[in-house]
Amino acid sequence: MKTKNSDKEQPNNPLHGVKLAEILQYLVSEYGWKELGAIIKINSFNNNPTIKSSLKFLRKTPWARTKVENLYLKSIQK
């Protein structure tokens, strides 16, 4: 049976408990869509960007999600 204390389950995962939507909202507020699209070449960041369309793409595309998560980790460690 799993415990409800998720910190014990993944103590070394800095993304544990952080939703993809929260990550994306943080990056958009930090960089803006234009700069985010320049850093990570994803159409949903460059052409009529929305949180909803970007989340849909990121959930289906592992390489893009990894790039977004890595940028988030670098950004919060500044």
PDB file of N, CA and C in Angstrom:
ATOM      1  N   MET A   1       0.838  -1.181   0.000  1.00  0.00           N
ATOM      2  CA  MET A   1       0.000   0.000   0.000  1.00  0.00           C
ATOM      3  C   MET A   1       0.884   1.245   0.000  1.00  0.00           C
ATOM      4  N   LYS A   2       0.560   2.207  -0.854  1.00  0.00           N
ATOM      5  CA  LYS A   2       1.331   3.437  -0.928  1.00  0.00           C
ATOM      6  C   LYS A   2       0.963   4.364   0.221  1.00  0.00           C
ATOM      7  N   THR A   3       1.969   5.065   0.701  1.00  0.00           N
ATOM      8  CA  THR A   3       1.695   6.061   1.739  1.00  0.00           C
ATOM      9  C   THR A   3       1.328   7.376   1.080  1.00  0.00           C
ATOM     10  N   LYS A   4       0.693   8.236   1.846  1.00  0.00           N
ATOM     11  CA  LYS A   4       0.310   9.535   1.304  1.00  0.00           C
ATOM     12  C   LYS A   4       1.456  10.536   1.362  1.00  0.00           C
ATOM     13  N   ASN A   5       2.540  10.182   2.028  1.00  0.00           N
ATOM     14  CA  ASN A   5       3.681  11.074   2.121  1.00  0.00           C
ATOM     15  C   ASN A   5       4.545  10.919   0.882  1.00  0.00           C
ATOM     16  N   SER A   6       4.271  11.731  -0.138  1.00  0.00           N
ATOM     17  CA  SER A   6       4.958  11.602  -1.418  1.00  0.00           C
ATOM     18  C   SER A   6       6.423  12.011  -1.350  1.00  0.00           C
ATOM     19  N   ASP A   7       6.806  12.777  -0.334  1.00  0.00           N
ATOM     20  CA  ASP A   7       8.214  13.162  -0.214  1.00  0.00           C
ATOM     21  C   ASP A   7       9.104  11.938   0.012  1.00  0.00           C
ATOM     22  N   LYS A   8       8.589  10.936   0.685  1.00  0.00           N
ATOM     23  CA  LYS A   8       9.364   9.725   0.925  1.00  0.00           C
ATOM     24  C   LYS A   8       9.442   8.861  -0.324  1.00  0.00           C
ATOM     25  N   GLU A   9       8.440   8.948  -1.192  1.00  0.00           N
ATOM     26  CA  GLU A   9       8.412   8.140  -2.394  1.00  0.00           C
ATOM     27  C   GLU A   9       9.415   8.608  -3.431  1.00  0.00           C
ATOM     28  N   GLN A  10       9.598   9.918  -3.581  1.00  0.00           N
ATOM     29  CA  GLN A  10      10.519  10.469  -4.578  1.00  0.00           C
ATOM     30  C   GLN A  10      11.296  11.652  -3.985  1.00  0.00           C
ATOM     31  N   PRO A  11      12.157  11.379  -3.013  1.00  0.00           N
ATOM     32  CA  PRO A  11      12.831  12.483  -2.324  1.00  0.00           C
ATOM     33  C   PRO A  11      13.814  13.265  -3.192  1.00  0.00           C
ATOM     34  N   ASN A  12      14.335  12.665  -4.255  1.00  0.00           N
ATOM     35  CA  ASN A  12      15.337  13.344  -5.081  1.00  0.00           C
ATOM     36  C   ASN A  12      14.783  13.886  -6.389  1.00  0.00           C
ATOM     37  N   ASN A  13      13.481  13.885  -6.570  1.00  0.00           N
ATOM     38  CA  ASN A  13      12.866  14.362  -7.800  1.00  0.00           C
ATOM     39  C   ASN A  13      12.334  15.781  -7.578  1.00  0.00           C
ATOM     40  N   PRO A  14      13.024  16.798  -8.095  1.00  0.00           N
ATOM     41  CA  PRO A  14      12.582  18.181  -7.865  1.00  0.00           C
ATOM     42  C   PRO A  14      11.272  18.517  -8.568  1.00  0.00           C
ATOM     43  N   LEU A  15      10.848  17.696  -9.518  1.00  0.00           N
ATOM     44  CA  LEU A  15       9.588  17.942 -10.226  1.00  0.00           C
ATOM     45  C   LEU A  15       8.404  17.228  -9.576  1.00  0.00           C
ATOM     46  N   HIS A  16       8.662  16.388  -8.600  1.00  0.00           N
ATOM     47  CA  HIS A  16       7.577  15.641  -7.980  1.00  0.00           C
ATOM     48  C   HIS A  16       6.600  16.596  -7.293  1.00  0.00           C
ATOM     49  N   GLY A  17       5.342  16.453  -7.646  1.00  0.00           N
ATOM     50  CA  GLY A  17       4.304  17.292  -7.052  1.00  0.00           C
ATOM     51  C   GLY A  17       4.063  18.593  -7.794  1.00  0.00           C
ATOM     52  N   VAL A  18       4.867  18.870  -8.809  1.00  0.00           N
ATOM     53  CA  VAL A  18       4.698  20.090  -9.605  1.00  0.00           C
ATOM     54  C   VAL A  18       3.975  19.704 -10.892  1.00  0.00           C
ATOM     55  N   LYS A  19       2.834  20.317 -11.115  1.00  0.00           N
ATOM     56  CA  LYS A  19       2.047  19.997 -12.309  1.00  0.00           C
ATOM     57  C   LYS A  19       2.640  20.652 -13.545  1.00  0.00           C
ATOM     58  N   LEU A  20       2.450  19.994 -14.679  1.00  0.00           N
ATOM     59  CA  LEU A  20       2.947  20.523 -15.945  1.00  0.00           C
ATOM     60  C   LEU A  20       2.359  21.910 -16.216  1.00  0.00           C
ATOM     61  N   ALA A  21       1.104  22.104 -15.879  1.00  0.00           N
ATOM     62  CA  ALA A  21       0.466  23.410 -16.078  1.00  0.00           C
ATOM     63  C   ALA A  21       1.172  24.491 -15.255  1.00  0.00           C
ATOM     64  N   GLU A  22       1.565  24.167 -14.040  1.00  0.00           N
ATOM     65  CA  GLU A  22       2.281  25.121 -13.183  1.00  0.00           C
ATOM     66  C   GLU A  22       3.651  25.456 -13.777  1.00  0.00           C
ATOM     67  N   ILE A  23       4.325  24.443 -14.299  1.00  0.00           N
ATOM     68  CA  ILE A  23       5.634  24.645 -14.923  1.00  0.00           C
ATOM     69  C   ILE A  23       5.500  25.586 -16.108  1.00  0.00           C
ATOM     70  N   LEU A  24       4.530  25.311 -16.964  1.00  0.00           N
ATOM     71  CA  LEU A  24       4.327  26.125 -18.159  1.00  0.00           C
ATOM     72  C   LEU A  24       3.938  27.558 -17.802  1.00  0.00           C
ATOM     73  N   GLN A  25       3.046  27.721 -16.847  1.00  0.00           N
ATOM     74  CA  GLN A  25       2.644  29.069 -16.429  1.00  0.00           C
ATOM     75  C   GLN A  25       3.830  29.849 -15.864  1.00  0.00           C
ATOM     76  N   TYR A  26       4.676  29.176 -15.102  1.00  0.00           N
ATOM     77  CA  TYR A  26       5.867  29.826 -14.567  1.00  0.00           C
ATOM     78  C   TYR A  26       6.784  30.287 -15.699  1.00  0.00           C
ATOM     79  N   LEU A  27       7.030  29.397 -16.668  1.00  0.00           N
ATOM     80  CA  LEU A  27       7.929  29.742 -17.773  1.00  0.00           C
ATOM     81  C   LEU A  27       7.376  30.873 -18.623  1.00  0.00           C
ATOM     82  N   VAL A  28       6.078  30.885 -18.851  1.00  0.00           N
ATOM     83  CA  VAL A  28       5.468  31.969 -19.633  1.00  0.00           C
ATOM     84  C   VAL A  28       5.590  33.280 -18.875  1.00  0.00           C
ATOM     85  N   SER A  29       5.388  33.263 -17.566  1.00  0.00           N
ATOM     86  CA  SER A  29       5.520  34.500 -16.791  1.00  0.00           C
ATOM     87  C   SER A  29       6.974  34.956 -16.709  1.00  0.00           C
ATOM     88  N   GLU A  30       7.897  34.011 -16.701  1.00  0.00           N
ATOM     89  CA  GLU A  30       9.329  34.323 -16.605  1.00  0.00           C
ATOM     90  C   GLU A  30       9.892  34.832 -17.936  1.00  0.00           C
ATOM     91  N   TYR A  31       9.522  34.171 -19.042  1.00  0.00           N
ATOM     92  CA  TYR A  31      10.128  34.455 -20.341  1.00  0.00           C
ATOM     93  C   TYR A  31       9.183  35.106 -21.348  1.00  0.00           C
ATOM     94  N   GLY A  32       7.895  34.836 -21.239  1.00  0.00           N
ATOM     95  CA  GLY A  32       6.953  35.260 -22.264  1.00  0.00           C
ATOM     96  C   GLY A  32       6.952  34.254 -23.391  1.00  0.00           C
ATOM     97  N   TRP A  33       5.868  34.233 -24.179  1.00  0.00           N
ATOM     98  CA  TRP A  33       5.753  33.247 -25.257  1.00  0.00           C
ATOM     99  C   TRP A  33       6.837  33.399 -26.304  1.00  0.00           C
ATOM    100  N   LYS A  34       7.152  34.648 -26.663  1.00  0.00           N
ATOM    101  CA  LYS A  34       8.117  34.882 -27.744  1.00  0.00           C
ATOM    102  C   LYS A  34       9.500  34.318 -27.391  1.00  0.00           C
ATOM    103  N   GLU A  35       9.986  34.669 -26.212  1.00  0.00           N
ATOM    104  CA  GLU A  35      11.307  34.179 -25.798  1.00  0.00           C
ATOM    105  C   GLU A  35      11.282  32.672 -25.547  1.00  0.00           C
ATOM    106  N   LEU A  36      10.183  32.180 -24.967  1.00  0.00           N
ATOM    107  CA  LEU A  36      10.057  30.744 -24.732  1.00  0.00           C
ATOM    108  C   LEU A  36      10.099  29.979 -26.046  1.00  0.00           C
ATOM    109  N   GLY A  37       9.435  30.510 -27.068  1.00  0.00           N
ATOM    110  CA  GLY A  37       9.448  29.888 -28.393  1.00  0.00           C
ATOM    111  C   GLY A  37      10.807  29.945 -29.059  1.00  0.00           C
ATOM    112  N   ALA A  38      11.593  30.956 -28.714  1.00  0.00           N
ATOM    113  CA  ALA A  38      12.952  31.054 -29.256  1.00  0.00           C
ATOM    114  C   ALA A  38      13.887  30.064 -28.560  1.00  0.00           C
ATOM    115  N   ILE A  39      13.675  29.850 -27.272  1.00  0.00           N
ATOM    116  CA  ILE A  39      14.511  28.925 -26.508  1.00  0.00           C
ATOM    117  C   ILE A  39      14.195  27.481 -26.875  1.00  0.00           C
ATOM    118  N   ILE A  40      12.903  27.172 -26.924  1.00  0.00           N
ATOM    119  CA  ILE A  40      12.452  25.817 -27.254  1.00  0.00           C
ATOM    120  C   ILE A  40      11.589  25.922 -28.507  1.00  0.00           C
ATOM    121  N   LYS A  41      12.082  25.372 -29.590  1.00  0.00           N
ATOM    122  CA  LYS A  41      11.408  25.482 -30.888  1.00  0.00           C
ATOM    123  C   LYS A  41      10.189  24.558 -30.955  1.00  0.00           C
ATOM    124  N   ILE A  42       9.061  25.067 -30.492  1.00  0.00           N
ATOM    125  CA  ILE A  42       7.802  24.321 -30.496  1.00  0.00           C
ATOM    126  C   ILE A  42       6.742  25.222 -31.119  1.00  0.00           C
ATOM    127  N   ASN A  43       6.040  24.723 -32.124  1.00  0.00           N
ATOM    128  CA  ASN A  43       5.035  25.530 -32.819  1.00  0.00           C
ATOM    129  C   ASN A  43       3.982  26.106 -31.878  1.00  0.00           C
ATOM    130  N   SER A  44       3.565  25.327 -30.890  1.00  0.00           N
ATOM    131  CA  SER A  44       2.520  25.825 -29.997  1.00  0.00           C
ATOM    132  C   SER A  44       3.002  26.980 -29.124  1.00  0.00           C
ATOM    133  N   PHE A  45       4.305  27.234 -29.088  1.00  0.00           N
ATOM    134  CA  PHE A  45       4.842  28.401 -28.380  1.00  0.00           C
ATOM    135  C   PHE A  45       4.949  29.609 -29.308  1.00  0.00           C
ATOM    136  N   ASN A  46       5.010  29.364 -30.609  1.00  0.00           N
ATOM    137  CA  ASN A  46       5.264  30.436 -31.569  1.00  0.00           C
ATOM    138  C   ASN A  46       4.038  30.873 -32.367  1.00  0.00           C
ATOM    139  N   ASN A  47       3.103  29.973 -32.604  1.00  0.00           N
ATOM    140  CA  ASN A  47       1.942  30.284 -33.443  1.00  0.00           C
ATOM    141  C   ASN A  47       0.667  30.269 -32.608  1.00  0.00           C
ATOM    142  N   ASN A  48       0.147  31.459 -32.305  1.00  0.00           N
ATOM    143  CA  ASN A  48      -1.082  31.600 -31.527  1.00  0.00           C
ATOM    144  C   ASN A  48      -1.015  30.784 -30.229  1.00  0.00           C
ATOM    145  N   PRO A  49      -0.028  31.056 -29.367  1.00  0.00           N
ATOM    146  CA  PRO A  49       0.195  30.227 -28.188  1.00  0.00           C
ATOM    147  C   PRO A  49      -0.884  30.392 -27.113  1.00  0.00           C
ATOM    148  N   THR A  50      -1.266  29.271 -26.533  1.00  0.00           N
ATOM    149  CA  THR A  50      -2.135  29.252 -25.363  1.00  0.00           C
ATOM    150  C   THR A  50      -1.619  28.172 -24.423  1.00  0.00           C
ATOM    151  N   ILE A  51      -1.953  28.309 -23.163  1.00  0.00           N
ATOM    152  CA  ILE A  51      -1.582  27.288 -22.183  1.00  0.00           C
ATOM    153  C   ILE A  51      -2.221  25.960 -22.578  1.00  0.00           C
ATOM    154  N   LYS A  52      -3.502  25.995 -22.939  1.00  0.00           N
ATOM    155  CA  LYS A  52      -4.239  24.775 -23.261  1.00  0.00           C
ATOM    156  C   LYS A  52      -3.617  24.015 -24.435  1.00  0.00           C
ATOM    157  N   SER A  53      -3.344  24.719 -25.539  1.00  0.00           N
ATOM    158  CA  SER A  53      -2.776  24.029 -26.707  1.00  0.00           C
ATOM    159  C   SER A  53      -1.368  23.521 -26.418  1.00  0.00           C
ATOM    160  N   SER A  54      -0.608  24.289 -25.658  1.00  0.00           N
ATOM    161  CA  SER A  54       0.754  23.864 -25.326  1.00  0.00           C
ATOM    162  C   SER A  54       0.744  22.644 -24.415  1.00  0.00           C
ATOM    163  N   LEU A  55      -0.145  22.627 -23.433  1.00  0.00           N
ATOM    164  CA  LEU A  55      -0.240  21.465 -22.543  1.00  0.00           C
ATOM    165  C   LEU A  55      -0.629  20.210 -23.315  1.00  0.00           C
ATOM    166  N   LYS A  56      -1.565  20.359 -24.227  1.00  0.00           N
ATOM    167  CA  LYS A  56      -2.004  19.219 -25.038  1.00  0.00           C
ATOM    168  C   LYS A  56      -0.815  18.635 -25.813  1.00  0.00           C
ATOM    169  N   PHE A  57      -0.032  19.506 -26.425  1.00  0.00           N
ATOM    170  CA  PHE A  57       1.147  19.060 -27.181  1.00  0.00           C
ATOM    171  C   PHE A  57       2.188  18.434 -26.263  1.00  0.00           C
ATOM    172  N   LEU A  58       2.485  19.086 -25.151  1.00  0.00           N
ATOM    173  CA  LEU A  58       3.525  18.598 -24.247  1.00  0.00           C
ATOM    174  C   LEU A  58       3.169  17.247 -23.638  1.00  0.00           C
ATOM    175  N   ARG A  59       1.903  17.031 -23.377  1.00  0.00           N
ATOM    176  CA  ARG A  59       1.491  15.743 -22.798  1.00  0.00           C
ATOM    177  C   ARG A  59       1.645  14.595 -23.783  1.00  0.00           C
ATOM    178  N   LYS A  60       1.596  14.893 -25.071  1.00  0.00           N
ATOM    179  CA  LYS A  60       1.721  13.849 -26.099  1.00  0.00           C
ATOM    180  C   LYS A  60       3.134  13.710 -26.643  1.00  0.00           C
ATOM    181  N   THR A  61       4.047  14.633 -26.278  1.00  0.00           N
ATOM    182  CA  THR A  61       5.355  14.683 -26.912  1.00  0.00           C
ATOM    183  C   THR A  61       6.467  14.678 -25.849  1.00  0.00           C
ATOM    184  N   PRO A  62       6.977  13.496 -25.529  1.00  0.00           N
ATOM    185  CA  PRO A  62       7.965  13.378 -24.444  1.00  0.00           C
ATOM    186  C   PRO A  62       9.211  14.251 -24.610  1.00  0.00           C
ATOM    187  N   TRP A  63       9.773  14.362 -25.830  1.00  0.00           N
ATOM    188  CA  TRP A  63      10.998  15.154 -25.997  1.00  0.00           C
ATOM    189  C   TRP A  63      10.733  16.627 -25.676  1.00  0.00           C
ATOM    190  N   ALA A  64       9.563  17.133 -26.043  1.00  0.00           N
ATOM    191  CA  ALA A  64       9.235  18.534 -25.782  1.00  0.00           C
ATOM    192  C   ALA A  64       9.002  18.763 -24.290  1.00  0.00           C
ATOM    193  N   ARG A  65       8.323  17.830 -23.670  1.00  0.00           N
ATOM    194  CA  ARG A  65       8.076  17.939 -22.226  1.00  0.00           C
ATOM    195  C   ARG A  65       9.399  17.952 -21.463  1.00  0.00           C
ATOM    196  N   THR A  66      10.327  17.095 -21.878  1.00  0.00           N
ATOM    197  CA  THR A  66      11.636  17.043 -21.229  1.00  0.00           C
ATOM    198  C   THR A  66      12.357  18.384 -21.347  1.00  0.00           C
ATOM    199  N   LYS A  67      12.298  18.997 -22.524  1.00  0.00           N
ATOM    200  CA  LYS A  67      12.949  20.297 -22.710  1.00  0.00           C
ATOM    201  C   LYS A  67      12.317  21.361 -21.817  1.00  0.00           C
ATOM    202  N   VAL A  68      11.001  21.353 -21.706  1.00  0.00           N
ATOM    203  CA  VAL A  68      10.292  22.317 -20.868  1.00  0.00           C
ATOM    204  C   VAL A  68      10.644  22.091 -19.392  1.00  0.00           C
ATOM    205  N   GLU A  69      10.649  20.849 -18.965  1.00  0.00           N
ATOM    206  CA  GLU A  69      10.988  20.538 -17.576  1.00  0.00           C
ATOM    207  C   GLU A  69      12.434  20.932 -17.259  1.00  0.00           C
ATOM    208  N   ASN A  70      13.355  20.681 -18.182  1.00  0.00           N
ATOM    209  CA  ASN A  70      14.755  21.054 -17.960  1.00  0.00           C
ATOM    210  C   ASN A  70      14.932  22.569 -17.881  1.00  0.00           C
ATOM    211  N   LEU A  71      14.231  23.308 -18.732  1.00  0.00           N
ATOM    212  CA  LEU A  71      14.299  24.763 -18.675  1.00  0.00           C
ATOM    213  C   LEU A  71      13.733  25.267 -17.352  1.00  0.00           C
ATOM    214  N   TYR A  72      12.658  24.661 -16.898  1.00  0.00           N
ATOM    215  CA  TYR A  72      12.063  25.025 -15.607  1.00  0.00           C
ATOM    216  C   TYR A  72      13.067  24.811 -14.469  1.00  0.00           C
ATOM    217  N   LEU A  73      13.713  23.660 -14.476  1.00  0.00           N
ATOM    218  CA  LEU A  73      14.688  23.366 -13.416  1.00  0.00           C
ATOM    219  C   LEU A  73      15.838  24.365 -13.428  1.00  0.00           C
ATOM    220  N   LYS A  74      16.330  24.704 -14.633  1.00  0.00           N
ATOM    221  CA  LYS A  74      17.398  25.704 -14.726  1.00  0.00           C
ATOM    222  C   LYS A  74      16.920  27.068 -14.244  1.00  0.00           C
ATOM    223  N   SER A  75      15.687  27.412 -14.548  1.00  0.00           N
ATOM    224  CA  SER A  75      15.132  28.718 -14.207  1.00  0.00           C
ATOM    225  C   SER A  75      14.937  28.897 -12.698  1.00  0.00           C
ATOM    226  N   ILE A  76      14.530  27.831 -12.014  1.00  0.00           N
ATOM    227  CA  ILE A  76      14.286  27.979 -10.577  1.00  0.00           C
ATOM    228  C   ILE A  76      15.571  27.899  -9.769  1.00  0.00           C
ATOM    229  N   GLN A  77      16.664  27.509 -10.411  1.00  0.00           N
ATOM    230  CA  GLN A  77      17.953  27.404  -9.712  1.00  0.00           C
ATOM    231  C   GLN A  77      18.806  28.662  -9.874  1.00  0.00           C
ATOM    232  N   LYS A  78      18.262  29.687 -10.487  1.00  0.00           N
ATOM    233  CA  LYS A  78      19.025  30.931 -10.711  1.00  0.00           C
ATOM    234  C   LYS A  78      19.421  31.557  -9.390  1.00  0.00           C
TER     235      LYS A  78
END
